[in-house]
C-alpha atoms as a PDB file:
ATOM      1  CA  MET A   1     -58.005  -9.291  44.799  1.00  0.00           C
ATOM      2  CA  ALA A   2     -59.318  -6.362  42.610  1.00  0.00           C
ATOM      3  CA  THR A   3     -60.855  -3.384  44.444  1.00  0.00           C
ATOM      4  CA  LEU A   4     -64.438  -2.467  43.671  1.00  0.00           C
ATOM      5  CA  THR A   5     -63.079   0.621  41.678  1.00  0.00           C
ATOM      6  CA  GLU A   6     -60.848  -1.495  39.613  1.00  0.00           C
ATOM      7  CA  ARG A   7     -63.552  -4.040  38.715  1.00  0.00           C
ATOM      8  CA  LEU A   8     -65.972  -1.135  37.791  1.00  0.00           C
ATOM      9  CA  LEU A   9     -63.043   0.411  35.676  1.00  0.00           C
ATOM     10  CA  ASN A  10     -62.518  -2.943  33.911  1.00  0.00           C
ATOM     11  CA  GLU A  11     -66.252  -3.392  33.278  1.00  0.00           C
ATOM     12  CA  GLY A  12     -66.479   0.073  31.820  1.00  0.00           C
ATOM     13  CA  ILE A  13     -63.301  -0.558  29.535  1.00  0.00           C
ATOM     14  CA  GLN A  14     -64.968  -3.817  28.341  1.00  0.00           C
ATOM     15  CA  GLN A  15     -68.307  -2.235  27.672  1.00  0.00           C
ATOM     16  CA  GLY A  16     -66.554   0.628  25.770  1.00  0.00           C
ATOM     17  CA  LEU A  17     -64.634  -1.844  23.618  1.00  0.00           C
ATOM     18  CA  GLN A  18     -67.926  -3.792  22.732  1.00  0.00           C
ATOM     19  CA  GLN A  19     -69.681  -0.509  21.928  1.00  0.00           C
ATOM     20  CA  GLY A  20     -66.916   0.366  19.689  1.00  0.00           C
ATOM     21  CA  GLU A  21     -66.888  -3.094  17.918  1.00  0.00           C
ATOM     22  CA  GLN A  22     -70.744  -2.698  17.527  1.00  0.00           C
ATOM     23  CA  ASN A  23     -70.377   0.767  15.900  1.00  0.00           C
ATOM     24  CA  VAL A  24     -67.707  -0.290  13.415  1.00  0.00           C
ATOM     25  CA  LEU A  25     -69.629  -3.489  12.401  1.00  0.00           C
ATOM     26  CA  GLN A  26     -72.885  -1.367  11.933  1.00  0.00           C
ATOM     27  CA  ARG A  27     -71.070   1.015   9.706  1.00  0.00           C
ATOM     28  CA  GLN A  28     -69.605  -1.641   7.765  1.00  0.00           C
ATOM     29  CA  LEU A  29     -72.798  -3.532   7.360  1.00  0.00           C
ATOM     30  CA  VAL A  30     -74.632  -0.293   6.207  1.00  0.00           C
ATOM     31  CA  ARG A  31     -71.968   0.403   3.632  1.00  0.00           C
ATOM     32  CA  ARG A  32     -72.273  -2.996   2.370  1.00  0.00           C
ATOM     33  CA  PHE A  33     -75.958  -3.874   2.377  1.00  0.00           C
ATOM     34  CA  GLY A  34     -77.722  -0.425   2.965  1.00  0.00           C
ATOM     35  CA  PRO A  35     -79.727   0.755   5.919  1.00  0.00           C
ATOM     36  CA  LEU A  36     -80.332  -1.763   8.557  1.00  0.00           C
ATOM     37  CA  ASP A  37     -83.836  -2.478   9.670  1.00  0.00           C
ATOM     38  CA  SER A  38     -84.643  -2.515  13.469  1.00  0.00           C
ATOM     39  CA  GLN A  39     -84.164  -6.161  13.907  1.00  0.00           C
ATOM     40  CA  ALA A  40     -80.643  -6.092  12.579  1.00  0.00           C
ATOM     41  CA  ARG A  41     -79.769  -3.052  14.827  1.00  0.00           C
ATOM     42  CA  GLN A  42     -81.215  -4.882  17.916  1.00  0.00           C
ATOM     43  CA  ARG A  43     -79.122  -7.789  17.238  1.00  0.00           C
ATOM     44  CA  LEU A  44     -76.036  -5.612  17.216  1.00  0.00           C
ATOM     45  CA  GLN A  45     -77.055  -3.912  20.222  1.00  0.00           C
ATOM     46  CA  HIS A  46     -77.631  -7.131  22.150  1.00  0.00           C
ATOM     47  CA  ALA A  47     -74.624  -9.270  20.626  1.00  0.00           C
ATOM     48  CA  THR A  48     -71.909 -10.823  22.805  1.00  0.00           C
ATOM     49  CA  ALA A  49     -68.315 -10.158  22.075  1.00  0.00           C
ATOM     50  CA  GLN A  50     -68.005 -13.619  20.407  1.00  0.00           C
ATOM     51  CA  GLU A  51     -71.023 -12.907  18.089  1.00  0.00           C
ATOM     52  CA  LEU A  52     -69.440  -9.605  17.170  1.00  0.00           C
ATOM     53  CA  GLU A  53     -66.329 -11.300  16.179  1.00  0.00           C
ATOM     54  CA  CYS A  54     -67.938 -13.778  14.198  1.00  0.00           C
ATOM     55  CA  TRP A  55     -70.123 -11.286  12.420  1.00  0.00           C
ATOM     56  CA  ALA A  56     -67.227  -9.141  11.660  1.00  0.00           C
ATOM     57  CA  ASP A  57     -65.358 -12.072  10.067  1.00  0.00           C
ATOM     58  CA  ASN A  58     -68.553 -13.156   8.131  1.00  0.00           C
ATOM     59  CA  ILE A  59     -68.902  -9.713   6.529  1.00  0.00           C
ATOM     60  CA  LEU A  60     -65.937 -10.422   4.388  1.00  0.00           C
ATOM     61  CA  ASP A  61     -67.591 -13.231   2.610  1.00  0.00           C
ATOM     62  CA  ALA A  62     -71.358 -12.689   2.956  1.00  0.00           C
ATOM     63  CA  ARG A  63     -73.552 -12.156   0.152  1.00  0.00           C
ATOM     64  CA  THR A  64     -76.514 -11.097   2.157  1.00  0.00           C
ATOM     65  CA  LEU A  65     -77.014  -9.705   5.497  1.00  0.00           C
ATOM     66  CA  ASP A  66     -78.616 -12.769   6.687  1.00  0.00           C
ATOM     67  CA  GLU A  67     -75.384 -14.579   6.018  1.00  0.00           C
ATOM     68  CA  VAL A  68     -73.381 -12.121   8.229  1.00  0.00           C
ATOM     69  CA  PHE A  69     -75.492 -13.373  11.334  1.00  0.00           C
ATOM     70  CA  ILE A  70     -74.645 -17.141  10.925  1.00  0.00           C
ATOM     71  CA  CYS A  71     -72.153 -18.291  13.340  1.00  0.00           C
ATOM     72  CA  HIS A  72     -71.214 -21.860  13.962  1.00  0.00           C
END
């Protein structure tokens, strides 16, 4: 059973990884589609890890910003 310190460390690592994914995706979106509006920035900030992965894949084929945010 993990100690409290180990659990907190693991949570911190996961949050750091997710923040890194958000930052990379945001840079890619800005480069591809221009400055993001507040709604798109909020979606990124509140995204799950699964959503970020899906959106990162979608950016390769999406013709519009809206198409990036479609996940099935």
